Amino acid sequence: MLFESVLYYGADFRFHTGDVETEGSRIAAVRPRDCTPQAMLLPGLVDIHLHGNSGADFSDGSAEEFCRMARFLAAHGTTSFSAATLTLPEEQLAAACRAAAAFHAAQPEGAAALRGITLEGPFFSMGKRGAQNPDYLRLPDAAMFARLQREAEGFIRIACVAPELQGAIPFIRAVARGGVTVSVAHTEAEYDAASAAFEAGATHVTHLYNAMPPLLHRTPGVIGAASERENVTAELIADGIHVHPSAVRAAFRLFPGRICLISDALSACGMPDGEYLLGGQKIRVAGPRATLADGTLAGSVATLFDCLRNAVRFGIPAEEAVRAASCTPARVIGADGETGAIRAGLAADLLLCSLNWELQKVYVGGRPVA
């Protein structure tokens, strides 16, 4: 297949005009040339933090719902994803991990590729639990993580933890040694505790600004400790609800080339307003906002493509926004040798868009998504 006279996003994180050719499931050639582009070609988006959509939740462990969730993602521009768990009992997390491994082995046609599991919970602070179920919070447990990783057949790519909890530093060291990205999340840690986590091997921050202390001039907290370490990446929910546009712009300045746009989408994404369940707790969706009964934000109902367009609308340069929704998250989960860029040899996961950011067609492994 030949995409001729397009404005494509190159592997150098810049837009170029030219042609992109695919052969089978791979990108065969990228040919820059002067031309008047008729459309824009982006790498397929990579969402490393989402819980579900279209009424399906990864943590339910249903193969049928998993497939529905992945097909929804593909249709909306997310061609690869790492499914996020919730704070739940170990047996329920184990069932979700088994379901993910089975889905990965089957990889149905027309669905986004599952490239990992994000273990979001249960090793979190009670005070910054957000919408995580407090009944199932527990201290960091490397043995439990190892059991879940076996159930997942080694597919957990991100493990989240609050570093101030007892046992967190040994947990971080053990998990990071296994090649898993450790992320600081749902935490009350101040600067010193966060710094200790990063020194121990944590290299990522879950949904920056949310469920953590703010960046203050005398107490810079997780945000200050993370921003000054060039190996630390940070997730950002640019749904227009979780983070103010000014704070989105600030995040891209604090973490140059290190932001991962995420959706943090719930099962209610793509569904009408109403009541839904999240980890056994009721949530209410009204327009673009999903909350617990007490008003606590409970994740988003946006797609990653929505967040990408929002970031551009908020003033983030398009080149930086696309990088944050494709290459950088792919690198965090170790999938950048397979997807996340338009480069010969990578999977032909591509988005054809109008020049004003309207999604026209999605390709997963070179095949158009219906």
Protein backbone atom coordinates (compact mmCIF):
# COMPACT_ATOMS: atom_id res chain seq x y z
CA MET A 1 0.00 0.00 0.00
CA LEU A 2 1.26 3.45 -0.89
CA PHE A 3 0.37 6.60 1.04
CA GLU A 4 1.28 9.21 -1.53
CA SER A 5 1.79 12.94 -1.01
CA VAL A 6 1.21 12.94 2.74
CA LEU A 7 2.47 15.04 5.61
CA TYR A 8 3.99 12.21 7.68
CA TYR A 9 5.44 12.23 11.17
CA GLY A 10 9.00 10.99 10.85
CA ALA A 11 11.14 8.97 13.23
CA ASP A 12 13.09 12.19 13.92
CA PHE A 13 9.97 13.61 15.63
CA ARG A 14 9.34 16.07 12.80
CA PHE A 15 6.75 16.33 10.05
CA HIS A 16 7.87 15.82 6.44
CA THR A 17 6.16 15.64 3.08
CA GLY A 18 6.52 12.58 0.90
CA ASP A 19 5.36 8.99 0.48
CA VAL A 20 5.11 6.04 2.86
CA GLU A 21 4.86 2.49 1.55
CA THR A 22 3.79 -0.61 3.45
CA GLU A 23 4.19 -4.25 2.55
CA GLY A 24 2.15 -6.79 4.44
CA SER A 25 2.15 -5.88 8.11
CA ARG A 26 5.27 -3.67 7.97
CA ILE A 27 6.37 -0.26 6.85
CA ALA A 28 8.51 -0.95 3.78
CA ALA A 29 9.83 2.49 2.86
CA VAL A 30 9.64 6.16 3.82
CA ARG A 31 10.46 8.56 0.98
CA PRO A 32 10.65 12.27 1.77
CA ARG A 33 10.03 14.63 -1.15
CA ASP A 34 8.66 18.07 -1.83
CA CYS A 35 4.94 17.88 -2.52
CA THR A 36 1.63 19.41 -1.53
CA PRO A 37 0.24 17.02 1.09
CA GLN A 38 -3.34 15.86 0.77
CA ALA A 39 -3.52 14.25 4.21
CA MET A 40 -1.54 13.68 7.39
CA LEU A 41 -0.06 10.28 8.34
CA LEU A 42 0.68 9.59 12.02
CA PRO A 43 2.06 6.55 13.80
CA GLY A 44 -0.63 4.56 15.57
CA LEU A 45 -1.15 5.85 19.10
CA VAL A 46 0.11 3.89 22.11
CA ASP A 47 -1.95 4.17 25.31
CA ILE A 48 -0.09 2.76 28.30
CA HIS A 49 -2.77 3.56 30.86
CA LEU A 50 -6.42 2.73 30.25
CA HIS A 51 -8.93 0.59 32.10
CA GLY A 52 -11.58 0.01 29.48
CA ASN A 53 -14.26 1.42 27.19
CA SER A 54 -17.59 0.54 25.55
CA GLY A 55 -18.81 -1.01 28.80
CA ALA A 56 -15.81 -3.33 29.11
CA ASP A 57 -13.19 -3.29 31.88
CA PHE A 58 -9.86 -5.10 31.65
CA SER A 59 -10.01 -6.06 35.32
CA ASP A 60 -13.17 -8.12 34.76
CA GLY A 61 -11.03 -10.71 32.96
CA SER A 62 -13.60 -11.47 30.24
CA ALA A 63 -12.17 -12.52 26.87
CA GLU A 64 -15.24 -11.25 25.02
CA GLU A 65 -15.11 -7.86 26.71
CA PHE A 66 -11.35 -7.64 26.16
CA CYS A 67 -11.87 -8.07 22.43
CA ARG A 68 -14.62 -5.43 22.38
CA MET A 69 -12.37 -3.02 24.23
CA ALA A 70 -9.45 -3.56 21.82
CA ARG A 71 -11.64 -3.14 18.73
CA PHE A 72 -13.00 0.14 20.09
CA LEU A 73 -9.44 1.35 20.65
CA ALA A 74 -8.39 0.51 17.09
CA ALA A 75 -11.41 2.26 15.63
CA HIS A 76 -10.48 5.42 17.56
CA GLY A 77 -6.79 5.58 16.70
CA THR A 78 -5.11 3.63 19.50
CA THR A 79 -3.32 0.76 17.78
CA SER A 80 -1.29 -0.49 20.79
CA PHE A 81 -2.05 -0.44 24.49
CA SER A 82 -1.05 -1.55 27.95
CA ALA A 83 -4.21 -2.39 29.89
CA ALA A 84 -4.34 -1.03 33.43
CA THR A 85 -5.66 -2.94 36.41
CA LEU A 86 -7.38 -1.51 39.48
CA THR A 87 -6.84 -2.03 43.20
CA LEU A 88 -8.52 -5.41 43.62
CA PRO A 89 -7.99 -8.75 45.42
CA GLU A 90 -5.04 -10.78 44.15
CA GLU A 91 -7.23 -13.53 42.70
CA GLN A 92 -9.13 -11.01 40.55
CA LEU A 93 -5.88 -9.40 39.39
CA ALA A 94 -4.52 -12.85 38.54
CA ALA A 95 -7.60 -13.62 36.43
CA ALA A 96 -7.18 -10.32 34.54
CA CYS A 97 -3.51 -11.13 33.92
CA ARG A 98 -4.40 -14.55 32.53
CA ALA A 99 -7.03 -13.03 30.26
CA ALA A 100 -4.50 -10.50 28.97
CA ALA A 101 -1.94 -13.19 28.18
CA ALA A 102 -4.58 -15.21 26.32
CA PHE A 103 -5.73 -12.19 24.34
CA HIS A 104 -2.15 -11.33 23.41
CA ALA A 105 -1.61 -14.87 22.10
CA ALA A 106 -4.80 -14.74 20.01
CA GLN A 107 -4.56 -11.10 18.81
CA PRO A 108 -7.86 -10.92 16.87
CA GLU A 109 -8.02 -9.01 13.62
CA GLY A 110 -9.27 -5.44 13.67
CA ALA A 111 -8.21 -4.94 17.28
CA ALA A 112 -5.50 -2.84 18.88
CA ALA A 113 -2.41 -4.84 19.83
CA LEU A 114 -2.02 -5.54 23.51
CA ARG A 115 1.64 -4.86 24.32
CA GLY A 116 1.60 -4.99 28.09
CA ILE A 117 -0.19 -4.76 31.41
CA THR A 118 0.01 -1.75 33.71
CA LEU A 119 -0.39 -2.90 37.31
CA GLU A 120 -2.11 0.13 38.84
CA GLY A 121 -2.64 -0.95 42.43
CA PRO A 122 -2.87 -2.24 45.06
CA PHE A 123 0.38 -0.79 46.54
CA PHE A 124 -0.96 2.73 47.15
CA SER A 125 -1.36 5.38 49.83
CA MET A 126 -4.74 5.60 51.50
CA GLY A 127 -4.58 9.40 51.48
CA LYS A 128 -4.00 9.61 47.72
CA ARG A 129 -5.98 6.58 46.63
CA GLY A 130 -8.22 8.65 44.35
CA ALA A 131 -10.87 6.33 42.91
CA GLN A 132 -8.97 3.15 43.90
CA ASN A 133 -10.97 0.90 46.23
CA PRO A 134 -9.64 1.39 49.79
CA ASP A 135 -10.75 -2.11 50.84
CA TYR A 136 -7.98 -3.73 48.81
CA LEU A 137 -5.00 -1.43 49.39
CA ARG A 138 -1.91 -3.20 50.73
CA LEU A 139 1.79 -2.71 51.31
CA PRO A 140 4.23 -3.36 48.45
CA ASP A 141 4.79 -7.09 48.05
CA ALA A 142 7.42 -8.31 45.59
CA ALA A 143 6.33 -11.93 46.04
CA MET A 144 2.76 -11.01 45.07
CA PHE A 145 4.06 -9.13 42.06
CA ALA A 146 6.08 -12.17 41.00
CA ARG A 147 2.97 -14.36 41.27
CA LEU A 148 0.97 -11.97 39.11
CA GLN A 149 3.82 -11.72 36.60
CA ARG A 150 3.76 -15.52 36.25
CA GLU A 151 0.00 -15.45 35.62
CA ALA A 152 0.60 -12.73 33.03
CA GLU A 153 3.34 -14.83 31.37
CA GLY A 154 5.81 -11.99 31.92
CA PHE A 155 3.55 -9.42 30.30
CA ILE A 156 3.38 -6.82 33.10
CA ARG A 157 5.33 -3.87 31.70
CA ILE A 158 4.58 -1.17 34.33
CA ALA A 159 4.22 -1.65 38.08
CA CYS A 160 2.90 1.26 40.15
CA VAL A 161 3.77 1.94 43.79
CA ALA A 162 3.62 4.65 46.44
CA PRO A 163 7.30 4.92 47.51
CA GLU A 164 6.65 6.13 51.07
CA LEU A 165 5.01 2.83 52.03
CA GLN A 166 6.86 0.27 54.15
CA GLY A 167 8.79 -2.10 51.87
CA ALA A 168 8.50 0.11 48.79
CA ILE A 169 12.22 0.58 48.15
CA PRO A 170 13.06 -3.16 48.18
CA PHE A 171 9.98 -3.70 45.99
CA ILE A 172 11.20 -1.11 43.49
CA ARG A 173 14.67 -2.65 43.35
CA ALA A 174 13.33 -6.17 42.85
CA VAL A 175 10.79 -5.27 40.17
CA ALA A 176 13.12 -2.94 38.26
CA ARG A 177 15.81 -5.66 38.17
CA GLY A 178 13.31 -7.79 36.26
CA GLY A 179 13.13 -5.23 33.46
CA VAL A 180 9.73 -3.84 34.44
CA THR A 181 9.15 -0.07 34.48
CA VAL A 182 8.36 1.01 38.05
CA SER A 183 6.07 4.02 38.32
CA VAL A 184 5.49 6.32 41.30
CA ALA A 185 1.73 6.57 41.78
CA HIS A 186 -1.12 7.40 44.19
CA THR A 187 1.37 8.68 46.69
CA GLU A 188 1.81 11.13 49.55
CA ALA A 189 5.60 11.09 49.10
CA GLU A 190 7.51 14.33 49.39
CA TYR A 191 10.78 15.10 47.61
CA ASP A 192 13.17 12.91 49.62
CA ALA A 193 10.99 9.79 49.49
CA ALA A 194 10.38 10.27 45.78
CA SER A 195 14.09 10.79 45.16
CA ALA A 196 14.85 7.55 47.01
CA ALA A 197 12.40 5.74 44.74
CA PHE A 198 14.07 7.06 41.61
CA GLU A 199 17.51 6.20 42.97
CA ALA A 200 16.23 2.66 43.64
CA GLY A 201 15.14 2.22 40.03
CA ALA A 202 11.72 3.85 39.49
CA THR A 203 11.70 5.62 36.11
CA HIS A 204 8.10 6.69 35.55
CA VAL A 205 5.29 8.73 37.13
CA THR A 206 1.62 7.79 36.86
CA HIS A 207 -0.85 10.50 35.75
CA LEU A 208 1.28 13.53 36.66
CA TYR A 209 -0.33 16.02 39.10
CA ASN A 210 -3.14 13.62 39.99
CA ALA A 211 -3.04 11.58 43.21
CA MET A 212 0.21 13.15 44.47
CA PRO A 213 1.30 16.26 46.38
CA PRO A 214 1.55 19.44 44.31
CA LEU A 215 4.80 21.07 43.22
CA LEU A 216 5.46 23.81 45.77
CA HIS A 217 8.53 26.00 46.12
CA ARG A 218 9.51 24.61 49.53
CA THR A 219 8.10 21.11 49.08
CA PRO A 220 8.66 20.13 45.42
CA GLY A 221 7.43 16.57 46.00
CA VAL A 222 7.28 13.84 43.36
CA ILE A 223 6.99 16.33 40.52
CA GLY A 224 10.18 18.16 41.46
CA ALA A 225 12.13 14.96 42.05
CA ALA A 226 10.98 13.42 38.77
CA SER A 227 11.46 16.47 36.55
CA GLU A 228 15.17 16.83 37.36
CA ARG A 229 15.96 13.24 36.37
CA GLU A 230 16.31 12.85 32.62
CA ASN A 231 15.55 9.12 32.71
CA VAL A 232 12.12 9.61 34.29
CA THR A 233 9.02 9.79 32.09
CA ALA A 234 5.61 11.06 33.17
CA GLU A 235 2.05 10.29 32.14
CA LEU A 236 -0.40 13.12 31.50
CA ILE A 237 -4.17 13.02 31.07
CA ALA A 238 -4.99 15.79 28.58
CA ASP A 239 -8.74 15.28 28.62
CA GLY A 240 -9.36 18.90 29.67
CA ILE A 241 -10.76 17.74 33.02
CA HIS A 242 -7.88 16.24 35.01
CA VAL A 243 -5.25 18.87 34.17
CA HIS A 244 -5.65 22.56 33.32
CA PRO A 245 -4.25 23.55 29.90
CA SER A 246 -1.65 25.75 31.58
CA ALA A 247 -0.46 22.78 33.65
CA VAL A 248 -0.33 20.66 30.48
CA ARG A 249 1.99 23.24 28.92
CA ALA A 250 4.08 23.34 32.11
CA ALA A 251 4.40 19.53 32.12
CA PHE A 252 5.84 19.49 28.61
CA ARG A 253 8.40 22.08 29.72
CA LEU A 254 9.29 20.20 32.92
CA PHE A 255 9.65 16.87 31.08
CA PRO A 256 10.95 17.69 27.58
CA GLY A 257 10.59 14.64 25.35
CA ARG A 258 9.50 12.61 28.39
CA ILE A 259 5.71 13.05 28.51
CA CYS A 260 3.41 10.12 27.77
CA LEU A 261 -0.10 11.21 26.93
CA ILE A 262 -2.60 8.70 28.34
CA SER A 263 -6.37 8.44 28.36
CA ASP A 264 -6.88 6.71 31.75
CA ALA A 265 -10.18 5.74 30.13
CA LEU A 266 -12.84 3.85 32.06
CA SER A 267 -15.37 1.28 30.90
CA ALA A 268 -17.77 4.22 30.50
CA CYS A 269 -15.68 5.64 27.63
CA GLY A 270 -17.87 5.53 24.51
CA MET A 271 -21.01 5.04 26.61
CA PRO A 272 -23.92 7.39 27.41
CA ASP A 273 -24.15 9.38 30.62
CA GLY A 274 -25.20 7.35 33.62
CA GLU A 275 -23.98 5.14 36.47
CA TYR A 276 -21.23 2.54 36.06
CA LEU A 277 -18.95 0.44 38.27
CA LEU A 278 -15.22 0.88 38.80
CA GLY A 279 -13.51 -1.73 40.95
CA GLY A 280 -16.73 -2.37 42.84
CA GLN A 281 -17.46 1.33 43.37
CA LYS A 282 -20.23 3.30 41.68
CA ILE A 283 -19.20 6.13 39.38
CA ARG A 284 -21.34 8.75 37.69
CA VAL A 285 -20.63 9.96 34.16
CA ALA A 286 -22.01 13.34 33.11
CA GLY A 287 -20.62 14.72 29.87
CA PRO A 288 -16.80 14.59 29.92
CA ARG A 289 -16.54 14.00 33.69
CA ALA A 290 -16.58 10.70 35.63
CA THR A 291 -16.71 10.88 39.43
CA LEU A 292 -17.32 8.83 42.55
CA ALA A 293 -20.33 9.72 44.69
CA ASP A 294 -18.20 12.16 46.72
CA GLY A 295 -17.07 14.01 43.57
CA THR A 296 -13.60 12.43 43.32
CA LEU A 297 -12.43 12.20 39.72
CA ALA A 298 -12.47 8.55 38.65
CA GLY A 299 -10.55 8.43 35.37
CA SER A 300 -11.63 9.74 32.01
CA VAL A 301 -14.08 9.01 29.22
CA ALA A 302 -11.73 10.35 26.53
CA THR A 303 -9.79 8.47 23.87
CA LEU A 304 -6.07 8.99 23.42
CA PHE A 305 -6.74 10.67 20.07
CA ASP A 306 -9.01 13.12 21.93
CA CYS A 307 -6.13 13.83 24.33
CA LEU A 308 -3.67 14.29 21.47
CA ARG A 309 -5.91 16.83 19.77
CA ASN A 310 -6.52 18.57 23.09
CA ALA A 311 -2.79 18.88 23.70
CA VAL A 312 -2.35 20.56 20.31
CA ARG A 313 -5.32 22.80 21.05
CA PHE A 314 -3.78 23.71 24.42
CA GLY A 315 -0.68 25.01 22.63
CA ILE A 316 1.66 22.00 22.65
CA PRO A 317 3.63 21.89 19.36
CA ALA A 318 2.17 19.12 17.20
CA GLU A 319 5.53 17.34 16.91
CA GLU A 320 5.83 17.10 20.70
CA ALA A 321 2.22 16.02 21.17
CA VAL A 322 2.48 13.19 18.63
CA ARG A 323 5.74 11.98 20.18
CA ALA A 324 4.02 11.91 23.58
CA ALA A 325 1.18 9.76 22.22
CA SER A 326 3.29 7.30 20.23
CA CYS A 327 7.07 6.91 20.49
CA THR A 328 7.61 7.81 24.16
CA PRO A 329 4.93 5.50 25.60
CA ALA A 330 6.08 2.72 23.26
CA ARG A 331 9.58 3.11 24.72
CA VAL A 332 8.30 2.96 28.30
CA ILE A 333 6.76 -0.48 27.72
CA GLY A 334 9.66 -1.73 25.58
CA ALA A 335 7.66 -1.73 22.33
CA ASP A 336 9.57 0.99 20.46
CA GLY A 337 11.35 -1.62 18.35
CA GLU A 338 7.95 -2.69 17.07
CA THR A 339 5.67 0.33 16.92
CA GLY A 340 5.32 4.01 17.84
CA ALA A 341 7.01 5.58 14.79
CA ILE A 342 6.89 5.72 11.01
CA ARG A 343 10.10 3.94 10.13
CA ALA A 344 10.92 1.13 7.73
CA GLY A 345 10.69 -2.22 9.47
CA LEU A 346 8.19 -1.25 12.15
CA ALA A 347 4.60 -2.46 12.26
CA ALA A 348 2.36 -0.65 9.79
CA ASP A 349 0.24 0.87 12.57
CA LEU A 350 -0.84 4.13 10.99
CA LEU A 351 -3.46 6.86 11.25
CA LEU A 352 -4.59 8.72 8.15
CA CYS A 353 -5.95 12.12 9.16
CA SER A 354 -7.07 15.28 7.48
CA LEU A 355 -4.74 18.24 7.79
CA ASN A 356 -7.01 19.64 10.52
CA TRP A 357 -6.74 16.53 12.74
CA GLU A 358 -9.84 14.60 11.74
CA LEU A 359 -9.27 10.86 11.94
CA GLN A 360 -10.09 9.30 8.56
CA LYS A 361 -8.69 5.75 8.60
CA VAL A 362 -6.79 3.48 10.99
CA TYR A 363 -4.43 0.69 9.97
CA VAL A 364 -3.24 -2.03 12.37
CA GLY A 365 -0.44 -4.16 10.97
CA GLY A 366 -1.15 -2.80 7.52
CA ARG A 367 -4.82 -3.79 7.57
CA PRO A 368 -7.54 -1.12 7.57
CA VAL A 369 -9.81 -1.16 10.59
CA ALA A 370 -13.47 -1.34 9.65
